[in-house]
Amino acid sequence: MIKVFISSPYTLGDTAVNVKRQLNIADELMNAGFSPYVPLLSHFQHMAHPRSYEDWTQNDIVWLKLCDCVLRLDGESLGSDFECHVATTWNIPVFHSISELEKFRNSLDKIRDKG
């Protein structure tokens, strides 16, 4: 199963709405057969045990490294831009829609079928 790191805005706008958006996308990804990582779930950890922005960013990058790809949702976000930069540096593909992810999976399936 392809592990997908969801990258999207958090601090700009309503943080609760931004978290819900990631949860909705995670549900769509699961329905499509992907394994999503939802970094904005840290919103709830932060409510109970606040940490610095840097702590959360560092934690996200550790998990990003373990994912097969990134799904970058639209919206202005320096954090998401940084995550995508790191992913690109590590040759982790960045996609902008679930349909792009499905095409990626299909291309991997074709490669596996030939092997």
PDB file of N, CA and C in Angstrom:
ATOM      1  N   MET A   1       0.851  -1.177   0.000  1.00  0.00           N
ATOM      2  CA  MET A   1       0.000   0.000   0.000  1.00  0.00           C
ATOM      3  C   MET A   1       0.899   1.244   0.000  1.00  0.00           C
ATOM      4  N   ILE A   2       0.575   2.202  -0.817  1.00  0.00           N
ATOM      5  CA  ILE A   2       1.363   3.434  -0.931  1.00  0.00           C
ATOM      6  C   ILE A   2       1.062   4.346   0.249  1.00  0.00           C
ATOM      7  N   LYS A   3       2.145   4.773   0.924  1.00  0.00           N
ATOM      8  CA  LYS A   3       2.035   5.669   2.081  1.00  0.00           C
ATOM      9  C   LYS A   3       2.089   7.114   1.586  1.00  0.00           C
ATOM     10  N   VAL A   4       1.033   7.874   1.890  1.00  0.00           N
ATOM     11  CA  VAL A   4       0.888   9.239   1.387  1.00  0.00           C
ATOM     12  C   VAL A   4       0.922  10.234   2.544  1.00  0.00           C
ATOM     13  N   PHE A   5       1.877  11.140   2.509  1.00  0.00           N
ATOM     14  CA  PHE A   5       1.970  12.228   3.479  1.00  0.00           C
ATOM     15  C   PHE A   5       1.097  13.370   2.961  1.00  0.00           C
ATOM     16  N   ILE A   6       0.108  13.785   3.740  1.00  0.00           N
ATOM     17  CA  ILE A   6      -0.767  14.882   3.319  1.00  0.00           C
ATOM     18  C   ILE A   6      -0.166  16.198   3.806  1.00  0.00           C
ATOM     19  N   SER A   7       0.074  17.097   2.876  1.00  0.00           N
ATOM     20  CA  SER A   7       0.662  18.399   3.186  1.00  0.00           C
ATOM     21  C   SER A   7      -0.333  19.488   2.804  1.00  0.00           C
ATOM     22  N   SER A   8      -0.674  20.331   3.786  1.00  0.00           N
ATOM     23  CA  SER A   8      -1.660  21.382   3.528  1.00  0.00           C
ATOM     24  C   SER A   8      -1.520  22.495   4.553  1.00  0.00           C
ATOM     25  N   PRO A   9      -2.153  23.638   4.288  1.00  0.00           N
ATOM     26  CA  PRO A   9      -2.103  24.743   5.242  1.00  0.00           C
ATOM     27  C   PRO A   9      -2.682  24.358   6.603  1.00  0.00           C
ATOM     28  N   TYR A  10      -2.099  24.950   7.631  1.00  0.00           N
ATOM     29  CA  TYR A  10      -2.608  24.749   8.983  1.00  0.00           C
ATOM     30  C   TYR A  10      -2.860  26.084   9.682  1.00  0.00           C
ATOM     31  N   THR A  11      -1.845  26.926   9.765  1.00  0.00           N
ATOM     32  CA  THR A  11      -1.963  28.134  10.587  1.00  0.00           C
ATOM     33  C   THR A  11      -2.727  29.269   9.911  1.00  0.00           C
ATOM     34  N   LEU A  12      -2.772  29.288   8.589  1.00  0.00           N
ATOM     35  CA  LEU A  12      -3.531  30.341   7.906  1.00  0.00           C
ATOM     36  C   LEU A  12      -4.989  29.909   7.809  1.00  0.00           C
ATOM     37  N   GLY A  13      -5.870  30.768   8.268  1.00  0.00           N
ATOM     38  CA  GLY A  13      -7.285  30.425   8.296  1.00  0.00           C
ATOM     39  C   GLY A  13      -7.650  29.755   9.606  1.00  0.00           C
ATOM     40  N   ASP A  14      -8.751  29.062   9.608  1.00  0.00           N
ATOM     41  CA  ASP A  14      -9.255  28.373  10.800  1.00  0.00           C
ATOM     42  C   ASP A  14      -8.555  27.018  10.924  1.00  0.00           C
ATOM     43  N   THR A  15      -7.775  26.830  11.981  1.00  0.00           N
ATOM     44  CA  THR A  15      -7.017  25.587  12.124  1.00  0.00           C
ATOM     45  C   THR A  15      -7.933  24.361  12.189  1.00  0.00           C
ATOM     46  N   ALA A  16      -9.076  24.486  12.843  1.00  0.00           N
ATOM     47  CA  ALA A  16     -10.004  23.348  12.931  1.00  0.00           C
ATOM     48  C   ALA A  16     -10.524  22.959  11.548  1.00  0.00           C
ATOM     49  N   VAL A  17     -10.835  23.940  10.726  1.00  0.00           N
ATOM     50  CA  VAL A  17     -11.293  23.681   9.358  1.00  0.00           C
ATOM     51  C   VAL A  17     -10.166  23.019   8.558  1.00  0.00           C
ATOM     52  N   ASN A  18      -8.944  23.478   8.758  1.00  0.00           N
ATOM     53  CA  ASN A  18      -7.801  22.911   8.041  1.00  0.00           C
ATOM     54  C   ASN A  18      -7.559  21.453   8.443  1.00  0.00           C
ATOM     55  N   VAL A  19      -7.721  21.153   9.729  1.00  0.00           N
ATOM     56  CA  VAL A  19      -7.576  19.770  10.200  1.00  0.00           C
ATOM     57  C   VAL A  19      -8.672  18.898   9.584  1.00  0.00           C
ATOM     58  N   LYS A  20      -9.888  19.367   9.604  1.00  0.00           N
ATOM     59  CA  LYS A  20     -11.020  18.611   9.040  1.00  0.00           C
ATOM     60  C   LYS A  20     -10.791  18.332   7.559  1.00  0.00           C
ATOM     61  N   ARG A  21     -10.230  19.284   6.866  1.00  0.00           N
ATOM     62  CA  ARG A  21      -9.944  19.104   5.440  1.00  0.00           C
ATOM     63  C   ARG A  21      -8.972  17.940   5.235  1.00  0.00           C
ATOM     64  N   GLN A  22      -7.911  17.892   6.051  1.00  0.00           N
ATOM     65  CA  GLN A  22      -6.963  16.779   5.934  1.00  0.00           C
ATOM     66  C   GLN A  22      -7.625  15.452   6.269  1.00  0.00           C
ATOM     67  N   LEU A  23      -8.486  15.451   7.278  1.00  0.00           N
ATOM     68  CA  LEU A  23      -9.188  14.222   7.646  1.00  0.00           C
ATOM     69  C   LEU A  23     -10.100  13.746   6.513  1.00  0.00           C
ATOM     70  N   ASN A  24     -10.767  14.675   5.852  1.00  0.00           N
ATOM     71  CA  ASN A  24     -11.621  14.326   4.708  1.00  0.00           C
ATOM     72  C   ASN A  24     -10.795  13.706   3.583  1.00  0.00           C
ATOM     73  N   ILE A  25      -9.640  14.305   3.302  1.00  0.00           N
ATOM     74  CA  ILE A  25      -8.767  13.796   2.247  1.00  0.00           C
ATOM     75  C   ILE A  25      -8.212  12.425   2.643  1.00  0.00           C
ATOM     76  N   ALA A  26      -7.863  12.267   3.919  1.00  0.00           N
ATOM     77  CA  ALA A  26      -7.368  10.969   4.387  1.00  0.00           C
ATOM     78  C   ALA A  26      -8.417   9.885   4.168  1.00  0.00           C
ATOM     79  N   ASP A  27      -9.673  10.216   4.416  1.00  0.00           N
ATOM     80  CA  ASP A  27     -10.745   9.256   4.208  1.00  0.00           C
ATOM     81  C   ASP A  27     -10.863   8.895   2.723  1.00  0.00           C
ATOM     82  N   GLU A  28     -10.767   9.895   1.858  1.00  0.00           N
ATOM     83  CA  GLU A  28     -10.809   9.635   0.413  1.00  0.00           C
ATOM     84  C   GLU A  28      -9.642   8.749  -0.017  1.00  0.00           C
ATOM     85  N   LEU A  29      -8.460   9.033   0.537  1.00  0.00           N
ATOM     86  CA  LEU A  29      -7.285   8.234   0.197  1.00  0.00           C
ATOM     87  C   LEU A  29      -7.450   6.788   0.649  1.00  0.00           C
ATOM     88  N   MET A  30      -7.975   6.598   1.848  1.00  0.00           N
ATOM     89  CA  MET A  30      -8.200   5.239   2.333  1.00  0.00           C
ATOM     90  C   MET A  30      -9.206   4.511   1.448  1.00  0.00           C
ATOM     91  N   ASN A  31     -10.269   5.211   1.061  1.00  0.00           N
ATOM     92  CA  ASN A  31     -11.269   4.609   0.168  1.00  0.00           C
ATOM     93  C   ASN A  31     -10.664   4.223  -1.181  1.00  0.00           C
ATOM     94  N   ALA A  32      -9.629   4.956  -1.586  1.00  0.00           N
ATOM     95  CA  ALA A  32      -8.975   4.684  -2.872  1.00  0.00           C
ATOM     96  C   ALA A  32      -7.829   3.675  -2.738  1.00  0.00           C
ATOM     97  N   GLY A  33      -7.614   3.156  -1.527  1.00  0.00           N
ATOM     98  CA  GLY A  33      -6.600   2.123  -1.341  1.00  0.00           C
ATOM     99  C   GLY A  33      -5.211   2.611  -0.975  1.00  0.00           C
ATOM    100  N   PHE A  34      -5.110   3.837  -0.503  1.00  0.00           N
ATOM    101  CA  PHE A  34      -3.831   4.385  -0.060  1.00  0.00           C
ATOM    102  C   PHE A  34      -3.771   4.365   1.471  1.00  0.00           C
ATOM    103  N   SER A  35      -2.571   4.513   2.007  1.00  0.00           N
ATOM    104  CA  SER A  35      -2.378   4.626   3.450  1.00  0.00           C
ATOM    105  C   SER A  35      -1.920   6.048   3.759  1.00  0.00           C
ATOM    106  N   PRO A  36      -2.834   6.915   4.220  1.00  0.00           N
ATOM    107  CA  PRO A  36      -2.470   8.308   4.452  1.00  0.00           C
ATOM    108  C   PRO A  36      -1.817   8.535   5.812  1.00  0.00           C
ATOM    109  N   TYR A  37      -0.880   9.474   5.836  1.00  0.00           N
ATOM    110  CA  TYR A  37      -0.341   9.998   7.087  1.00  0.00           C
ATOM    111  C   TYR A  37      -0.913  11.407   7.225  1.00  0.00           C
ATOM    112  N   VAL A  38      -1.548  11.686   8.359  1.00  0.00           N
ATOM    113  CA  VAL A  38      -2.266  12.950   8.581  1.00  0.00           C
ATOM    114  C   VAL A  38      -1.504  13.779   9.621  1.00  0.00           C
ATOM    115  N   PRO A  39      -0.549  14.609   9.188  1.00  0.00           N
ATOM    116  CA  PRO A  39       0.252  15.360  10.150  1.00  0.00           C
ATOM    117  C   PRO A  39      -0.548  16.352  10.990  1.00  0.00           C
ATOM    118  N   LEU A  40      -1.672  16.821  10.466  1.00  0.00           N
ATOM    119  CA  LEU A  40      -2.445  17.801  11.246  1.00  0.00           C
ATOM    120  C   LEU A  40      -3.179  17.172  12.426  1.00  0.00           C
ATOM    121  N   LEU A  41      -3.115  15.869  12.581  1.00  0.00           N
ATOM    122  CA  LEU A  41      -3.648  15.266  13.808  1.00  0.00           C
ATOM    123  C   LEU A  41      -2.854  15.744  15.025  1.00  0.00           C
ATOM    124  N   SER A  42      -1.644  16.247  14.774  1.00  0.00           N
ATOM    125  CA  SER A  42      -0.862  16.817  15.880  1.00  0.00           C
ATOM    126  C   SER A  42      -1.566  18.017  16.503  1.00  0.00           C
ATOM    127  N   HIS A  43      -2.555  18.560  15.809  1.00  0.00           N
ATOM    128  CA  HIS A  43      -3.382  19.654  16.346  1.00  0.00           C
ATOM    129  C   HIS A  43      -3.932  19.270  17.719  1.00  0.00           C
ATOM    130  N   PHE A  44      -4.386  18.029  17.847  1.00  0.00           N
ATOM    131  CA  PHE A  44      -4.982  17.582  19.098  1.00  0.00           C
ATOM    132  C   PHE A  44      -3.917  17.341  20.167  1.00  0.00           C
ATOM    133  N   GLN A  45      -2.766  16.816  19.763  1.00  0.00           N
ATOM    134  CA  GLN A  45      -1.646  16.659  20.692  1.00  0.00           C
ATOM    135  C   GLN A  45      -1.191  18.022  21.199  1.00  0.00           C
ATOM    136  N   HIS A  46      -1.153  18.987  20.294  1.00  0.00           N
ATOM    137  CA  HIS A  46      -0.711  20.346  20.650  1.00  0.00           C
ATOM    138  C   HIS A  46      -1.683  20.996  21.639  1.00  0.00           C
ATOM    139  N   MET A  47      -2.958  20.691  21.507  1.00  0.00           N
ATOM    140  CA  MET A  47      -3.943  21.254  22.448  1.00  0.00           C
ATOM    141  C   MET A  47      -3.667  20.745  23.867  1.00  0.00           C
ATOM    142  N   ALA A  48      -3.281  19.493  23.994  1.00  0.00           N
ATOM    143  CA  ALA A  48      -3.023  18.905  25.312  1.00  0.00           C
ATOM    144  C   ALA A  48      -1.610  19.213  25.810  1.00  0.00           C
ATOM    145  N   HIS A  49      -0.658  19.251  24.865  1.00  0.00           N
ATOM    146  CA  HIS A  49       0.753  19.445  25.229  1.00  0.00           C
ATOM    147  C   HIS A  49       1.420  20.349  24.188  1.00  0.00           C
ATOM    148  N   PRO A  50       1.253  21.663  24.316  1.00  0.00           N
ATOM    149  CA  PRO A  50       1.793  22.593  23.313  1.00  0.00           C
ATOM    150  C   PRO A  50       3.311  22.466  23.137  1.00  0.00           C
ATOM    151  N   ARG A  51       3.701  22.583  21.895  1.00  0.00           N
ATOM    152  CA  ARG A  51       5.117  22.582  21.528  1.00  0.00           C
ATOM    153  C   ARG A  51       5.344  23.690  20.502  1.00  0.00           C
ATOM    154  N   SER A  52       6.592  23.957  20.240  1.00  0.00           N
ATOM    155  CA  SER A  52       6.934  25.013  19.286  1.00  0.00           C
ATOM    156  C   SER A  52       6.648  24.560  17.853  1.00  0.00           C
ATOM    157  N   TYR A  53       6.520  25.530  16.983  1.00  0.00           N
ATOM    158  CA  TYR A  53       6.345  25.273  15.551  1.00  0.00           C
ATOM    159  C   TYR A  53       7.491  24.407  15.036  1.00  0.00           C
ATOM    160  N   GLU A  54       8.708  24.705  15.480  1.00  0.00           N
ATOM    161  CA  GLU A  54       9.883  23.970  15.046  1.00  0.00           C
ATOM    162  C   GLU A  54       9.796  22.496  15.462  1.00  0.00           C
ATOM    163  N   ASP A  55       9.309  22.231  16.680  1.00  0.00           N
ATOM    164  CA  ASP A  55       9.155  20.845  17.127  1.00  0.00           C
ATOM    165  C   ASP A  55       8.204  20.075  16.214  1.00  0.00           C
ATOM    166  N   TRP A  56       7.081  20.702  15.882  1.00  0.00           N
ATOM    167  CA  TRP A  56       6.101  20.015  15.034  1.00  0.00           C
ATOM    168  C   TRP A  56       6.639  19.816  13.626  1.00  0.00           C
ATOM    169  N   THR A  57       7.340  20.823  13.110  1.00  0.00           N
ATOM    170  CA  THR A  57       7.922  20.706  11.765  1.00  0.00           C
ATOM    171  C   THR A  57       8.947  19.581  11.729  1.00  0.00           C
ATOM    172  N   GLN A  58       9.803  19.535  12.734  1.00  0.00           N
ATOM    173  CA  GLN A  58      10.827  18.488  12.794  1.00  0.00           C
ATOM    174  C   GLN A  58      10.176  17.103  12.871  1.00  0.00           C
ATOM    175  N   ASN A  59       9.131  16.968  13.664  1.00  0.00           N
ATOM    176  CA  ASN A  59       8.428  15.701  13.784  1.00  0.00           C
ATOM    177  C   ASN A  59       7.802  15.294  12.447  1.00  0.00           C
ATOM    178  N   ASP A  60       7.189  16.252  11.766  1.00  0.00           N
ATOM    179  CA  ASP A  60       6.571  15.963  10.464  1.00  0.00           C
ATOM    180  C   ASP A  60       7.604  15.469   9.451  1.00  0.00           C
ATOM    181  N   ILE A  61       8.777  16.074   9.457  1.00  0.00           N
ATOM    182  CA  ILE A  61       9.808  15.704   8.486  1.00  0.00           C
ATOM    183  C   ILE A  61      10.290  14.270   8.717  1.00  0.00           C
ATOM    184  N   VAL A  62      10.357  13.849   9.980  1.00  0.00           N
ATOM    185  CA  VAL A  62      10.736  12.463  10.276  1.00  0.00           C
ATOM    186  C   VAL A  62       9.755  11.501   9.611  1.00  0.00           C
ATOM    187  N   TRP A  63       8.456  11.795   9.715  1.00  0.00           N
ATOM    188  CA  TRP A  63       7.430  10.927   9.116  1.00  0.00           C
ATOM    189  C   TRP A  63       7.403  11.059   7.604  1.00  0.00           C
ATOM    190  N   LEU A  64       7.645  12.246   7.115  1.00  0.00           N
ATOM    191  CA  LEU A  64       7.679  12.465   5.665  1.00  0.00           C
ATOM    192  C   LEU A  64       8.701  11.542   5.011  1.00  0.00           C
ATOM    193  N   LYS A  65       9.832  11.397   5.649  1.00  0.00           N
ATOM    194  CA  LYS A  65      10.905  10.567   5.110  1.00  0.00           C
ATOM    195  C   LYS A  65      10.473   9.104   4.931  1.00  0.00           C
ATOM    196  N   LEU A  66       9.492   8.661   5.717  1.00  0.00           N
ATOM    197  CA  LEU A  66       9.021   7.277   5.660  1.00  0.00           C
ATOM    198  C   LEU A  66       7.916   7.053   4.629  1.00  0.00           C
ATOM    199  N   CYS A  67       7.379   8.139   4.081  1.00  0.00           N
ATOM    200  CA  CYS A  67       6.274   8.026   3.126  1.00  0.00           C
ATOM    201  C   CYS A  67       6.791   7.847   1.705  1.00  0.00           C
ATOM    202  N   ASP A  68       5.923   7.286   0.859  1.00  0.00           N
ATOM    203  CA  ASP A  68       6.278   7.048  -0.537  1.00  0.00           C
ATOM    204  C   ASP A  68       6.087   8.280  -1.410  1.00  0.00           C
ATOM    205  N   CYS A  69       5.191   9.158  -0.979  1.00  0.00           N
ATOM    206  CA  CYS A  69       4.904  10.353  -1.762  1.00  0.00           C
ATOM    207  C   CYS A  69       4.182  11.369  -0.880  1.00  0.00           C
ATOM    208  N   VAL A  70       3.995  12.557  -1.437  1.00  0.00           N
ATOM    209  CA  VAL A  70       3.308  13.653  -0.754  1.00  0.00           C
ATOM    210  C   VAL A  70       2.111  14.066  -1.596  1.00  0.00           C
ATOM    211  N   LEU A  71       1.007  14.306  -0.930  1.00  0.00           N
ATOM    212  CA  LEU A  71      -0.148  14.931  -1.578  1.00  0.00           C
ATOM    213  C   LEU A  71      -0.214  16.351  -1.050  1.00  0.00           C
ATOM    214  N   ARG A  72       0.095  17.318  -1.922  1.00  0.00           N
ATOM    215  CA  ARG A  72       0.089  18.735  -1.525  1.00  0.00           C
ATOM    216  C   ARG A  72      -1.260  19.322  -1.879  1.00  0.00           C
ATOM    217  N   LEU A  73      -2.023  19.685  -0.842  1.00  0.00           N
ATOM    218  CA  LEU A  73      -3.304  20.336  -1.061  1.00  0.00           C
ATOM    219  C   LEU A  73      -3.073  21.820  -1.315  1.00  0.00           C
ATOM    220  N   ASP A  74      -3.999  22.442  -2.028  1.00  0.00           N
ATOM    221  CA  ASP A  74      -3.821  23.842  -2.373  1.00  0.00           C
ATOM    222  C   ASP A  74      -3.938  24.737  -1.147  1.00  0.00           C
ATOM    223  N   GLY A  75      -3.410  25.940  -1.287  1.00  0.00           N
ATOM    224  CA  GLY A  75      -3.460  26.941  -0.231  1.00  0.00           C
ATOM    225  C   GLY A  75      -2.066  27.379   0.172  1.00  0.00           C
ATOM    226  N   GLU A  76      -1.975  28.642   0.557  1.00  0.00           N
ATOM    227  CA  GLU A  76      -0.703  29.216   0.955  1.00  0.00           C
ATOM    228  C   GLU A  76      -0.234  28.609   2.276  1.00  0.00           C
ATOM    229  N   SER A  77       1.012  28.147   2.287  1.00  0.00           N
ATOM    230  CA  SER A  77       1.558  27.546   3.501  1.00  0.00           C
ATOM    231  C   SER A  77       3.071  27.419   3.379  1.00  0.00           C
ATOM    232  N   LEU A  78       3.787  28.154   4.221  1.00  0.00           N
ATOM    233  CA  LEU A  78       5.242  28.037   4.226  1.00  0.00           C
ATOM    234  C   LEU A  78       5.660  26.644   4.697  1.00  0.00           C
ATOM    235  N   GLY A  79       4.924  26.089   5.663  1.00  0.00           N
ATOM    236  CA  GLY A  79       5.228  24.745   6.156  1.00  0.00           C
ATOM    237  C   GLY A  79       5.070  23.699   5.072  1.00  0.00           C
ATOM    238  N   SER A  80       3.977  23.764   4.317  1.00  0.00           N
ATOM    239  CA  SER A  80       3.754  22.817   3.219  1.00  0.00           C
ATOM    240  C   SER A  80       4.789  23.005   2.123  1.00  0.00           C
ATOM    241  N   ASP A  81       5.127  24.247   1.845  1.00  0.00           N
ATOM    242  CA  ASP A  81       6.162  24.504   0.842  1.00  0.00           C
ATOM    243  C   ASP A  81       7.479  23.866   1.267  1.00  0.00           C
ATOM    244  N   PHE A  82       7.801  23.981   2.565  1.00  0.00           N
ATOM    245  CA  PHE A  82       9.024  23.378   3.089  1.00  0.00           C
ATOM    246  C   PHE A  82       8.968  21.857   2.995  1.00  0.00           C
ATOM    247  N   GLU A  83       7.829  21.267   3.370  1.00  0.00           N
ATOM    248  CA  GLU A  83       7.674  19.810   3.282  1.00  0.00           C
ATOM    249  C   GLU A  83       7.883  19.330   1.853  1.00  0.00           C
ATOM    250  N   CYS A  84       7.326  20.035   0.896  1.00  0.00           N
ATOM    251  CA  CYS A  84       7.465  19.647  -0.512  1.00  0.00           C
ATOM    252  C   CYS A  84       8.903  19.820  -0.992  1.00  0.00           C
ATOM    253  N   HIS A  85       9.558  20.851  -0.512  1.00  0.00           N
ATOM    254  CA  HIS A  85      10.975  21.062  -0.847  1.00  0.00           C
ATOM    255  C   HIS A  85      11.813  19.889  -0.325  1.00  0.00           C
ATOM    256  N   VAL A  86      11.578  19.512   0.924  1.00  0.00           N
ATOM    257  CA  VAL A  86      12.309  18.390   1.513  1.00  0.00           C
ATOM    258  C   VAL A  86      12.019  17.112   0.729  1.00  0.00           C
ATOM    259  N   ALA A  87      10.753  16.873   0.413  1.00  0.00           N
ATOM    260  CA  ALA A  87      10.379  15.675  -0.341  1.00  0.00           C
ATOM    261  C   ALA A  87      11.122  15.633  -1.682  1.00  0.00           C
ATOM    262  N   THR A  88      11.130  16.735  -2.384  1.00  0.00           N
ATOM    263  CA  THR A  88      11.800  16.808  -3.683  1.00  0.00           C
ATOM    264  C   THR A  88      13.296  16.535  -3.530  1.00  0.00           C
ATOM    265  N   THR A  89      13.885  17.085  -2.479  1.00  0.00           N
ATOM    266  CA  THR A  89      15.311  16.863  -2.207  1.00  0.00           C
ATOM    267  C   THR A  89      15.596  15.383  -2.001  1.00  0.00           C
ATOM    268  N   TRP A  90      14.680  14.667  -1.374  1.00  0.00           N
ATOM    269  CA  TRP A  90      14.840  13.234  -1.104  1.00  0.00           C
ATOM    270  C   TRP A  90      14.257  12.366  -2.222  1.00  0.00           C
ATOM    271  N   ASN A  91      13.913  12.977  -3.338  1.00  0.00           N
ATOM    272  CA  ASN A  91      13.325  12.252  -4.481  1.00  0.00           C
ATOM    273  C   ASN A  91      12.022  11.553  -4.134  1.00  0.00           C
ATOM    274  N   ILE A  92      11.257  12.160  -3.238  1.00  0.00           N
ATOM    275  CA  ILE A  92       9.918  11.684  -2.917  1.00  0.00           C
ATOM    276  C   ILE A  92       8.956  12.470  -3.796  1.00  0.00           C
ATOM    277  N   PRO A  93       8.170  11.803  -4.632  1.00  0.00           N
ATOM    278  CA  PRO A  93       7.280  12.540  -5.534  1.00  0.00           C
ATOM    279  C   PRO A  93       6.198  13.318  -4.790  1.00  0.00           C
ATOM    280  N   VAL A  94       5.868  14.470  -5.351  1.00  0.00           N
ATOM    281  CA  VAL A  94       4.828  15.344  -4.810  1.00  0.00           C
ATOM    282  C   VAL A  94       3.698  15.417  -5.830  1.00  0.00           C
ATOM    283  N   PHE A  95       2.487  15.135  -5.371  1.00  0.00           N
ATOM    284  CA  PHE A  95       1.310  15.174  -6.229  1.00  0.00           C
ATOM    285  C   PHE A  95       0.346  16.232  -5.715  1.00  0.00           C
ATOM    286  N   HIS A  96      -0.559  16.672  -6.609  1.00  0.00           N
ATOM    287  CA  HIS A  96      -1.493  17.741  -6.251  1.00  0.00           C
ATOM    288  C   HIS A  96      -2.956  17.316  -6.333  1.00  0.00           C
ATOM    289  N   SER A  97      -3.188  16.031  -6.581  1.00  0.00           N
ATOM    290  CA  SER A  97      -4.558  15.528  -6.606  1.00  0.00           C
ATOM    291  C   SER A  97      -4.540  14.014  -6.402  1.00  0.00           C
ATOM    292  N   ILE A  98      -5.673  13.507  -5.977  1.00  0.00           N
ATOM    293  CA  ILE A  98      -5.799  12.058  -5.806  1.00  0.00           C
ATOM    294  C   ILE A  98      -5.724  11.360  -7.163  1.00  0.00           C
ATOM    295  N   SER A  99      -6.248  11.998  -8.203  1.00  0.00           N
ATOM    296  CA  SER A  99      -6.167  11.376  -9.533  1.00  0.00           C
ATOM    297  C   SER A  99      -4.706  11.244  -9.986  1.00  0.00           C
ATOM    298  N   GLU A 100      -3.847  12.215  -9.659  1.00  0.00           N
ATOM    299  CA  GLU A 100      -2.416  12.089  -9.970  1.00  0.00           C
ATOM    300  C   GLU A 100      -1.806  10.913  -9.207  1.00  0.00           C
ATOM    301  N   LEU A 101      -2.222  10.756  -7.948  1.00  0.00           N
ATOM    302  CA  LEU A 101      -1.739   9.627  -7.138  1.00  0.00           C
ATOM    303  C   LEU A 101      -2.164   8.294  -7.750  1.00  0.00           C
ATOM    304  N   GLU A 102      -3.389   8.233  -8.220  1.00  0.00           N
ATOM    305  CA  GLU A 102      -3.877   6.993  -8.830  1.00  0.00           C
ATOM    306  C   GLU A 102      -3.092   6.658 -10.096  1.00  0.00           C
ATOM    307  N   LYS A 103      -2.757   7.663 -10.896  1.00  0.00           N
ATOM    308  CA  LYS A 103      -1.944   7.436 -12.096  1.00  0.00           C
ATOM    309  C   LYS A 103      -0.563   6.922 -11.698  1.00  0.00           C
ATOM    310  N   PHE A 104       0.004   7.487 -10.631  1.00  0.00           N
ATOM    311  CA  PHE A 104       1.296   7.050 -10.119  1.00  0.00           C
ATOM    312  C   PHE A 104       1.226   5.581  -9.696  1.00  0.00           C
ATOM    313  N   ARG A 105       0.192   5.232  -8.944  1.00  0.00           N
ATOM    314  CA  ARG A 105       0.020   3.846  -8.499  1.00  0.00           C
ATOM    315  C   ARG A 105      -0.123   2.917  -9.699  1.00  0.00           C
ATOM    316  N   ASN A 106      -0.911   3.330 -10.687  1.00  0.00           N
ATOM    317  CA  ASN A 106      -1.102   2.499 -11.883  1.00  0.00           C
ATOM    318  C   ASN A 106       0.207   2.278 -12.627  1.00  0.00           C
ATOM    319  N   SER A 107       1.039   3.319 -12.687  1.00  0.00           N
ATOM    320  CA  SER A 107       2.333   3.165 -13.365  1.00  0.00           C
ATOM    321  C   SER A 107       3.230   2.218 -12.576  1.00  0.00           C
ATOM    322  N   LEU A 108       3.176   2.279 -11.249  1.00  0.00           N
ATOM    323  CA  LEU A 108       3.948   1.333 -10.424  1.00  0.00           C
ATOM    324  C   LEU A 108       3.451  -0.091 -10.618  1.00  0.00           C
ATOM    325  N   ASP A 109       2.133  -0.247 -10.701  1.00  0.00           N
ATOM    326  CA  ASP A 109       1.547  -1.578 -10.909  1.00  0.00           C
ATOM    327  C   ASP A 109       2.005  -2.169 -12.237  1.00  0.00           C
ATOM    328  N   LYS A 110       2.074  -1.334 -13.282  1.00  0.00           N
ATOM    329  CA  LYS A 110       2.531  -1.819 -14.589  1.00  0.00           C
ATOM    330  C   LYS A 110       3.979  -2.258 -14.533  1.00  0.00           C
ATOM    331  N   ILE A 111       4.811  -1.512 -13.798  1.00  0.00           N
ATOM    332  CA  ILE A 111       6.218  -1.867 -13.646  1.00  0.00           C
ATOM    333  C   ILE A 111       6.339  -3.187 -12.899  1.00  0.00           C
ATOM    334  N   ARG A 112       5.555  -3.346 -11.839  1.00  0.00           N
ATOM    335  CA  ARG A 112       5.589  -4.588 -11.047  1.00  0.00           C
ATOM    336  C   ARG A 112       5.111  -5.787 -11.877  1.00  0.00           C
ATOM    337  N   ASP A 113       4.093  -5.540 -12.705  1.00  0.00           N
ATOM    338  CA  ASP A 113       3.564  -6.635 -13.535  1.00  0.00           C
ATOM    339  C   ASP A 113       4.608  -7.137 -14.531  1.00  0.00           C
ATOM    340  N   LYS A 114       5.453  -6.222 -15.021  1.00  0.00           N
ATOM    341  CA  LYS A 114       6.491  -6.600 -15.986  1.00  0.00           C
ATOM    342  C   LYS A 114       7.626  -7.351 -15.306  1.00  0.00           C
ATOM    343  N   GLY A 115       7.835  -7.055 -13.993  1.00  0.00           N
ATOM    344  CA  GLY A 115       8.960  -7.646 -13.257  1.00  0.00           C
ATOM    345  C   GLY A 115       8.674  -9.023 -12.858  1.00  0.00           C
TER     346      GLY A 115
END
